[in-house]
Structures are given as structure tokens and as C-alpha cells.
Amino acid sequence: GCIVGNTAKTQGGGFRDDNGLFIMFSGRVDANAAGLKDDNSNDGGGVHLRDDYYHQILTTFIMYGGSVSGNTAAGHGGGIHNEEKTIIYGGTIAWNTALRGAGVNNRLIGDLTIYGGDISHNSAELVGGGVRNSYGFEGTDEIPMTHIHGGNISCNRAGYWGGGIINVEGELEIDETSGPVTISHNYAGELGG
């Protein structure tokens, strides 16, 4: 199936998940848009997973295959904006654009685990071309966590910091026990290519 060519004025151009489970085996979430160009608070061009702030029900996205490509967000997460739980086993997240976190944006209490797949050719105007992991709940010990156990993060771009990956006030783990992790040919205008 396809979720293609949709536009949301605020969040979740292609799909927004509140307290639910979205499993993607194949298909396309492509060419969707979230937010107006002059409003950088609008997130999740392709997929938006929202935290309920009460932590009672876990919103979960599991990606085994397919593509999340060519989406755009005026704010964060051109491809995927995660505030709860995302697990990526395969598929392609490519050619997405956003202000921050063009491929995947992981924030608040977001738990992102990558076992495989391809995150490439995404472009962030400011930071986090491929993956952005940053900022938990202010005044608490809750932080976003990203665990990378496999996959390819390559050829992503950021205007300032973190062409491939940027981690700010979050927990980032890269572990090749399960398989190889490739982070290559990413570009940042200033720091952290």
C-alpha cells in the first residue's frame, strides 16, 4: 500500500500515531509534508509518533521494509518524528528534508532502535541530516535514547552540525554485535560530518 502526497497543516503529513501500533512490512510513505514553511514547530513529514505525556500507552512504529522517502517537515523529522518507540529492521528512509532531524528525529522520551535498513540522502537545514537524538523532558531525568545495531547511514547532509548523526543531551549507543554499522559520506556545514 501507499501513503503518498498528503499534507498536514501541523504534524504527521503522511501518518500520525497517537497511542497505537503501526507495523510497516512494505509499501511507501513518500512525498508527504507537515507544517507551513514559516512554522518550525510542525514535525513528522512522513510519520509522526506522539508522546501522550502521561506514559500510559506506548506509541510504537516498527519498520521491516518499504520506504519513507521524499517527505518534508517544516520543523523536525522529515521522514520520521519519534517521541515514543521506533524499531527499524529494514527499508529505506531517504531524500527527506526538515529543519532538524531530516531522516529520523528522536526526542523527548523517544526510544529508537536501528537493526538494519538504509538512512541516506536526507537533508537538514540546521542539524541532524540522518538521525537527530536530542532533548528530553526539561527538569526530569527522561532523555531520548538511540541504539544502532546495524544498517547504513550515509550521504546525509546538515547545514550546521551532524550530517550523519547528532546527539544532544540524549543517550546514543552504537553496537556492532548484531551486524555491521556503516556511517559514511555524510556532510555537515560546521561540526560532526
Protein backbone atom coordinates (compact mmCIF):
# COMPACT_ATOMS: atom_id res chain seq x y z
CA GLY A 1 0.00 0.00 0.00
CA CYS A 2 0.94 3.64 -0.32
CA ILE A 3 0.58 6.77 1.81
CA VAL A 4 1.70 9.31 -0.77
CA GLY A 5 1.32 13.01 -1.47
CA ASN A 6 -0.53 14.10 1.66
CA THR A 7 -0.15 17.39 3.55
CA ALA A 8 -0.87 18.21 7.18
CA LYS A 9 -1.03 21.80 8.35
CA THR A 10 0.69 20.86 11.60
CA GLN A 11 2.04 17.35 12.32
CA GLY A 12 2.18 13.97 10.62
CA GLY A 13 2.00 14.64 6.90
CA GLY A 14 1.65 11.00 5.95
CA PHE A 15 0.67 9.27 9.19
CA ARG A 16 0.28 10.34 12.81
CA ASP A 17 0.13 7.69 15.52
CA ASP A 18 -1.26 8.54 18.96
CA ASN A 19 -1.09 5.67 21.46
CA GLY A 20 -1.21 2.99 18.76
CA LEU A 21 0.90 0.41 16.91
CA PHE A 22 1.99 0.86 13.27
CA ILE A 23 3.87 -2.05 11.65
CA MET A 24 5.25 -1.50 8.16
CA PHE A 25 6.33 -4.57 6.18
CA SER A 26 6.47 -2.93 2.76
CA GLY A 27 4.85 -0.13 0.80
CA ARG A 28 5.59 3.57 0.66
CA VAL A 29 5.17 6.59 2.90
CA ASP A 30 6.50 9.05 0.36
CA ALA A 31 6.20 12.68 -0.73
CA ASN A 32 4.17 13.87 2.26
CA ALA A 33 4.55 17.21 4.06
CA ALA A 34 3.96 18.52 7.58
CA GLY A 35 3.68 22.15 8.55
CA LEU A 36 3.90 25.51 6.95
CA LYS A 37 7.33 26.67 5.80
CA ASP A 38 7.41 29.56 8.31
CA ASP A 39 6.39 27.45 11.33
CA ASN A 40 9.24 25.27 12.61
CA SER A 41 7.15 23.62 15.36
CA ASN A 42 5.50 21.21 12.93
CA ASP A 43 7.02 17.75 12.83
CA GLY A 44 6.87 14.39 11.09
CA GLY A 45 6.66 14.83 7.35
CA GLY A 46 6.20 11.09 6.78
CA VAL A 47 5.43 9.51 10.16
CA HIS A 48 4.74 11.26 13.49
CA LEU A 49 4.69 9.26 16.73
CA ARG A 50 3.38 11.38 19.56
CA ASP A 51 4.15 11.01 23.25
CA ASP A 52 0.99 11.12 25.37
CA TYR A 53 2.99 12.85 28.16
CA TYR A 54 1.40 10.52 30.73
CA HIS A 55 3.42 7.49 29.59
CA GLN A 56 0.43 5.17 29.99
CA ILE A 57 0.26 3.78 26.45
CA LEU A 58 3.35 3.28 24.30
CA THR A 59 3.04 4.51 20.73
CA THR A 60 5.12 2.17 18.54
CA PHE A 61 6.31 2.12 14.92
CA ILE A 62 8.08 -1.00 13.60
CA MET A 63 9.58 -0.87 10.12
CA TYR A 64 10.62 -4.10 8.39
CA GLY A 65 10.72 -2.80 4.82
CA GLY A 66 9.32 -0.34 2.35
CA SER A 67 10.24 3.31 2.04
CA VAL A 68 9.77 6.55 3.94
CA SER A 69 11.15 8.88 1.31
CA GLY A 70 10.82 12.34 -0.17
CA ASN A 71 8.88 13.74 2.79
CA THR A 72 9.33 17.18 4.29
CA ALA A 73 8.69 18.80 7.67
CA ALA A 74 8.81 22.49 8.45
CA GLY A 75 10.16 21.58 11.89
CA HIS A 76 11.60 18.24 12.95
CA GLY A 77 11.64 14.77 11.43
CA GLY A 78 11.28 14.93 7.68
CA GLY A 79 10.93 11.15 7.43
CA ILE A 80 10.08 10.01 10.96
CA HIS A 81 9.49 12.06 14.10
CA ASN A 82 9.62 9.77 17.15
CA GLU A 83 8.60 10.71 20.68
CA GLU A 84 7.91 7.15 21.87
CA LYS A 85 9.23 3.88 20.33
CA THR A 86 10.53 3.15 16.83
CA ILE A 87 12.31 -0.03 15.73
CA ILE A 88 13.84 -0.21 12.25
CA TYR A 89 14.81 -3.63 10.88
CA GLY A 90 14.98 -2.69 7.21
CA GLY A 91 13.67 -0.47 4.47
CA THR A 92 14.72 2.88 3.12
CA ILE A 93 14.49 6.32 4.74
CA ALA A 94 15.82 8.66 2.08
CA TRP A 95 15.56 12.05 0.41
CA ASN A 96 13.62 13.60 3.30
CA THR A 97 14.08 17.22 4.37
CA ALA A 98 13.49 19.12 7.61
CA LEU A 99 14.81 21.94 9.72
CA ARG A 100 16.24 19.37 12.19
CA GLY A 101 16.45 15.59 12.02
CA ALA A 102 15.72 15.08 8.33
CA GLY A 103 15.79 11.27 8.25
CA VAL A 104 14.73 10.38 11.79
CA ASN A 105 14.20 12.81 14.67
CA ASN A 106 14.18 11.19 18.12
CA ARG A 107 13.26 13.40 21.09
CA LEU A 108 11.55 13.71 24.50
CA ILE A 109 11.32 10.10 25.78
CA GLY A 110 11.85 8.63 22.32
CA ASP A 111 13.40 5.17 22.12
CA LEU A 112 14.87 4.50 18.67
CA THR A 113 16.49 1.16 17.79
CA ILE A 114 18.04 0.50 14.38
CA TYR A 115 18.97 -3.06 13.34
CA GLY A 116 19.19 -2.50 9.60
CA GLY A 117 17.95 -0.54 6.66
CA ASP A 118 19.23 2.46 4.79
CA ILE A 119 19.08 6.07 6.02
CA SER A 120 20.56 8.11 3.20
CA HIS A 121 20.41 11.29 1.15
CA ASN A 122 18.40 13.18 3.77
CA SER A 123 18.99 16.90 4.25
CA ALA A 124 18.50 19.08 7.35
CA GLU A 125 18.64 22.83 7.08
CA LEU A 126 20.25 23.11 10.54
CA VAL A 127 21.26 19.86 12.31
CA GLY A 128 20.90 16.09 12.04
CA GLY A 129 20.82 15.10 8.40
CA GLY A 130 20.44 11.36 9.01
CA VAL A 131 19.49 10.91 12.68
CA ARG A 132 18.95 13.50 15.41
CA ASN A 133 18.77 12.31 19.03
CA SER A 134 18.19 15.22 21.37
CA TYR A 135 16.40 16.84 24.29
CA GLY A 136 14.30 15.06 26.87
CA PHE A 137 11.69 16.48 29.20
CA GLU A 138 13.01 19.63 30.85
CA GLY A 139 13.51 19.25 34.58
CA THR A 140 13.38 15.42 34.54
CA ASP A 141 15.81 12.55 34.09
CA GLU A 142 13.96 11.33 30.99
CA ILE A 143 16.05 11.54 27.84
CA PRO A 144 15.80 10.19 24.31
CA MET A 145 17.75 7.01 23.56
CA THR A 146 19.09 5.77 20.21
CA HIS A 147 20.59 2.30 19.81
CA ILE A 148 22.21 1.42 16.48
CA HIS A 149 23.00 -2.28 15.95
CA GLY A 150 23.17 -2.36 12.15
CA GLY A 151 22.27 -0.56 8.97
CA ASN A 152 23.63 2.15 6.75
CA ILE A 153 23.61 5.89 7.47
CA SER A 154 25.25 7.59 4.51
CA CYS A 155 25.23 10.57 2.17
CA ASN A 156 23.15 12.75 4.50
CA ARG A 157 23.65 16.49 4.88
CA ALA A 158 23.17 19.14 7.57
CA GLY A 159 23.66 22.87 7.21
CA TYR A 160 25.47 23.16 10.52
CA TRP A 161 26.00 20.10 12.76
CA GLY A 162 25.69 16.36 12.44
CA GLY A 163 25.47 15.37 8.81
CA GLY A 164 25.06 11.70 9.69
CA ILE A 165 24.09 11.72 13.38
CA ILE A 166 23.78 14.36 16.08
CA ASN A 167 23.30 13.59 19.76
CA VAL A 168 22.49 16.44 22.18
CA GLU A 169 21.52 15.66 25.77
CA GLY A 170 20.48 12.13 24.83
CA GLU A 171 21.89 8.60 25.02
CA LEU A 172 23.49 7.16 21.88
CA GLU A 173 24.78 3.60 21.55
CA ILE A 174 26.46 2.06 18.51
CA ASP A 175 27.00 -1.71 18.85
CA GLU A 176 28.10 -3.99 16.01
CA THR A 177 27.47 -7.24 17.90
CA SER A 178 24.39 -8.00 15.77
CA GLY A 179 25.83 -6.79 12.48
CA PRO A 180 27.89 -4.09 10.78
CA VAL A 181 27.06 -0.41 11.14
CA THR A 182 28.08 1.85 8.26
CA ILE A 183 28.19 5.63 8.80
CA SER A 184 29.86 7.18 5.79
CA HIS A 185 29.98 10.04 3.30
CA ASN A 186 27.83 12.38 5.38
CA TYR A 187 28.38 16.13 5.30
CA ALA A 188 27.92 18.94 7.84
CA GLY A 189 28.49 22.63 7.19
CA GLU A 190 30.31 23.04 10.51
CA LEU A 191 30.71 20.17 13.02
CA GLY A 192 30.23 16.42 13.02
CA GLY A 193 30.17 15.26 9.41
